[in-house]
């Protein structure tokens, strides 16, 4: 009887499919804990999957099994809204076991984590939303912050939803530039207006 790598791994055995450095479920768990200890906030399943698939030997089903096991053993928590976070137990075990991960995997993982954490910070610093008013117009709320706190909070009225969504999108694309333009306009001495008269 021929047993494939995937079938063998699913039984808790040795090598899995793919040509990578992660060779069994225990190493996948080490990797998941390594990632969970370094993300700056709780993350959904898809993000955890994306970050964990940094090694070619890991597949979706092995990852799913290991993630569920880590929740069952209280190494991770799963919130009602589907976000995973590391526990104190998970963090302690991650610190003990991270040296068992191949160095090349940790390097690749660190690069991916750096990019992902940068995107999370950016998302929290640049926020735009819109709600409809009772009279049918729309209020667009724009917020830009940095590590020190709020840089700009502004609300604008738009007459249509498509205009509100366009303002949201434009603000998310270049909030610092728009902030600079607003400040420049407010600090201008009015010479342009005088020259137009």
Protein backbone atom coordinates (compact mmCIF):
# COMPACT_ATOMS: atom_id res chain seq x y z
CA UNK A 1 0.00 0.00 0.00
CA UNK A 2 1.37 3.39 -1.03
CA UNK A 3 0.92 6.20 1.50
CA UNK A 4 1.30 9.75 0.17
CA UNK A 5 3.15 12.39 2.13
CA UNK A 6 -0.12 14.20 2.83
CA UNK A 7 -1.85 11.08 4.14
CA UNK A 8 1.14 10.25 6.31
CA UNK A 9 1.24 13.79 7.70
CA UNK A 10 -2.49 13.77 8.36
CA UNK A 11 -1.98 10.73 10.58
CA UNK A 12 0.48 12.78 12.63
CA UNK A 13 3.47 11.31 10.85
CA UNK A 14 6.49 12.71 9.12
CA UNK A 15 7.08 14.61 5.90
CA UNK A 16 4.38 16.53 4.10
CA UNK A 17 3.92 17.44 0.46
CA UNK A 18 5.95 20.22 -1.10
CA UNK A 19 9.61 21.14 -1.07
CA UNK A 20 10.10 23.29 1.99
CA UNK A 21 11.73 23.27 5.40
CA UNK A 22 8.67 22.62 7.60
CA UNK A 23 8.32 18.85 7.91
CA UNK A 24 5.54 18.02 10.39
CA UNK A 25 2.51 19.36 12.25
CA UNK A 26 4.56 20.30 15.31
CA UNK A 27 6.74 22.61 13.21
CA UNK A 28 3.62 24.19 11.65
CA UNK A 29 2.37 24.91 15.17
CA UNK A 30 5.72 26.46 16.08
CA UNK A 31 5.45 28.65 12.98
CA UNK A 32 1.86 29.72 13.73
CA UNK A 33 2.85 30.67 17.29
CA UNK A 34 5.91 32.53 15.98
CA UNK A 35 3.61 34.59 13.73
CA UNK A 36 0.88 35.12 16.33
CA UNK A 37 3.47 36.43 18.80
CA UNK A 38 4.61 39.09 16.33
CA UNK A 39 1.47 40.48 14.70
CA UNK A 40 0.50 43.78 16.30
CA UNK A 41 -3.20 42.92 16.64
CA UNK A 42 -5.59 39.98 16.43
CA UNK A 43 -5.91 38.64 12.89
CA UNK A 44 -8.54 36.74 10.88
CA UNK A 45 -8.12 33.21 9.51
CA UNK A 46 -7.17 34.37 5.99
CA UNK A 47 -4.38 36.62 7.26
CA UNK A 48 -2.97 33.87 9.49
CA UNK A 49 -3.09 31.47 6.53
CA UNK A 50 -1.34 33.93 4.22
CA UNK A 51 1.44 34.53 6.73
CA UNK A 52 1.89 30.83 7.52
CA UNK A 53 2.13 29.72 3.89
CA UNK A 54 5.65 31.13 3.68
CA UNK A 55 7.01 27.60 3.33
CA UNK A 56 6.21 25.44 0.29
CA UNK A 57 5.72 22.28 2.35
CA UNK A 58 2.66 23.63 4.18
CA UNK A 59 -0.81 23.17 2.72
CA UNK A 60 -4.23 24.53 3.66
CA UNK A 61 -5.51 21.39 5.39
CA UNK A 62 -2.42 20.90 7.56
CA UNK A 63 -2.56 24.57 8.52
CA UNK A 64 -6.28 24.41 9.42
CA UNK A 65 -5.78 21.34 11.62
CA UNK A 66 -2.84 22.90 13.45
CA UNK A 67 -4.60 26.22 13.97
CA UNK A 68 -7.66 24.48 15.44
CA UNK A 69 -5.43 22.40 17.74
CA UNK A 70 -3.70 25.53 19.05
CA UNK A 71 -7.07 27.02 19.96
CA UNK A 72 -8.14 23.77 21.68
CA UNK A 73 -4.93 23.69 23.73
CA UNK A 74 -5.27 27.36 24.77
CA UNK A 75 -2.21 28.56 22.87
CA UNK A 76 -4.46 30.84 20.80
CA UNK A 77 -7.85 32.42 21.36
CA UNK A 78 -10.57 32.76 18.74
CA UNK A 79 -12.93 35.69 19.25
CA UNK A 80 -16.62 35.75 18.32
CA UNK A 81 -15.80 37.86 15.28
CA UNK A 82 -13.24 35.33 14.01
CA UNK A 83 -9.96 36.90 15.12
CA UNK A 84 -7.02 34.88 16.43
CA UNK A 85 -4.70 36.08 19.19
CA UNK A 86 -1.88 34.45 21.12
CA UNK A 87 -2.30 33.66 24.83
CA UNK A 88 0.36 33.92 27.55
CA UNK A 89 0.77 30.14 27.31
CA UNK A 90 1.24 30.39 23.56
CA UNK A 91 3.75 33.22 23.90
CA UNK A 92 5.84 31.27 26.45
CA UNK A 93 5.90 28.17 24.25
CA UNK A 94 6.70 30.25 21.18
CA UNK A 95 9.75 31.74 22.87
CA UNK A 96 10.95 28.28 23.87
CA UNK A 97 10.37 26.66 20.47
CA UNK A 98 11.15 29.38 17.92
CA UNK A 99 14.78 28.27 17.61
CA UNK A 100 13.49 24.95 16.22
CA UNK A 101 12.24 26.76 13.12
CA UNK A 102 14.69 26.85 10.21
CA UNK A 103 16.50 30.18 9.99
CA UNK A 104 15.48 30.74 6.35
CA UNK A 105 11.81 30.26 7.26
CA UNK A 106 12.09 32.77 10.11
CA UNK A 107 13.73 35.31 7.79
CA UNK A 108 10.99 34.98 5.18
CA UNK A 109 8.35 35.08 7.88
CA UNK A 110 9.87 38.23 9.43
CA UNK A 111 9.79 40.01 6.07
CA UNK A 112 6.12 39.10 5.57
CA UNK A 113 5.27 40.14 9.14
CA UNK A 114 7.00 43.48 8.71
CA UNK A 115 4.93 44.23 5.62
CA UNK A 116 1.69 42.99 7.20
CA UNK A 117 2.21 44.98 10.42
CA UNK A 118 2.99 48.08 8.35
CA UNK A 119 -0.35 47.67 6.55
CA UNK A 120 -2.17 47.20 9.88
CA UNK A 121 -0.63 50.38 11.27
CA UNK A 122 -1.52 52.27 8.12
CA UNK A 123 -5.10 51.04 8.28
CA UNK A 124 -5.46 52.21 11.88
CA UNK A 125 -3.88 55.60 11.12
CA UNK A 126 -5.98 56.39 8.03
CA UNK A 127 -9.72 56.01 8.48
CA UNK A 128 -12.59 57.12 6.28
CA UNK A 129 -16.28 56.34 6.58
CA UNK A 130 -19.62 57.76 5.47
CA UNK A 131 -23.18 57.70 6.79
CA UNK A 132 -26.40 58.99 5.32
CA UNK A 133 -28.15 61.91 7.00
CA UNK A 134 -31.93 62.05 7.52
CA UNK A 135 -32.22 64.61 4.72
CA UNK A 136 -30.63 62.23 2.18
CA UNK A 137 -27.18 63.80 2.04
CA UNK A 138 -24.05 62.05 3.30
CA UNK A 139 -21.51 62.82 6.01
CA UNK A 140 -17.94 61.70 5.27
CA UNK A 141 -15.68 61.37 8.31
CA UNK A 142 -11.93 61.52 7.63
CA UNK A 143 -9.27 60.83 10.26
CA UNK A 144 -5.47 60.84 10.03
CA UNK A 145 -3.34 59.95 13.04
CA UNK A 146 0.24 59.03 13.88
CA UNK A 147 2.06 57.51 16.84
CA UNK A 148 1.49 60.71 18.84
CA UNK A 149 -2.29 60.83 18.28
CA UNK A 150 -4.73 62.56 15.98
CA UNK A 151 -3.33 64.71 13.15
CA UNK A 152 -6.64 65.60 11.50
CA UNK A 153 -10.33 64.87 12.08
CA UNK A 154 -12.74 66.29 9.54
CA UNK A 155 -16.35 65.82 8.46
CA UNK A 156 -17.65 66.82 5.05
CA UNK A 157 -21.15 66.89 3.63
CA UNK A 158 -21.69 65.24 0.25
CA UNK A 159 -24.94 65.32 -1.70
CA UNK A 160 -24.64 61.78 -3.12
CA UNK A 161 -23.34 58.42 -1.95
CA UNK A 162 -21.03 57.98 -4.95
CA UNK A 163 -19.38 61.32 -4.12
CA UNK A 164 -18.95 60.25 -0.49
CA UNK A 165 -17.32 56.96 -1.53
CA UNK A 166 -15.03 58.77 -3.97
CA UNK A 167 -13.86 61.14 -1.20
CA UNK A 168 -13.23 58.15 1.11
CA UNK A 169 -11.14 56.40 -1.56
CA UNK A 170 -9.15 59.52 -2.45
CA UNK A 171 -8.40 60.24 1.20
CA UNK A 172 -7.15 56.68 1.84
CA UNK A 173 -4.83 56.92 -1.18
CA UNK A 174 -2.97 60.08 -0.14
CA UNK A 175 -4.04 61.45 3.25
CA UNK A 176 -0.74 63.21 3.98
CA UNK A 177 -0.80 65.08 0.68
CA UNK A 178 -4.38 66.22 1.24
CA UNK A 179 -3.52 67.24 4.79
CA UNK A 180 -0.61 69.30 3.48
CA UNK A 181 -2.77 70.98 0.87
CA UNK A 182 -5.37 71.93 3.51
CA UNK A 183 -2.69 73.34 5.82
CA UNK A 184 -1.08 75.28 2.94
CA UNK A 185 -4.45 76.75 2.02
CA UNK A 186 -5.23 77.75 5.61
CA UNK A 187 -1.79 79.30 6.10
CA UNK A 188 -1.73 81.20 2.81
CA UNK A 189 -1.68 84.97 3.20
CA UNK A 190 -4.44 85.60 0.69
CA UNK A 191 -2.12 87.04 -2.01
CA UNK A 192 -3.68 84.80 -4.64
CA UNK A 193 -7.10 86.22 -3.87
CA UNK A 194 -5.75 89.78 -4.04
CA UNK A 195 -4.09 89.15 -7.39
CA UNK A 196 -7.36 87.89 -8.84
CA UNK A 197 -9.17 91.15 -8.00
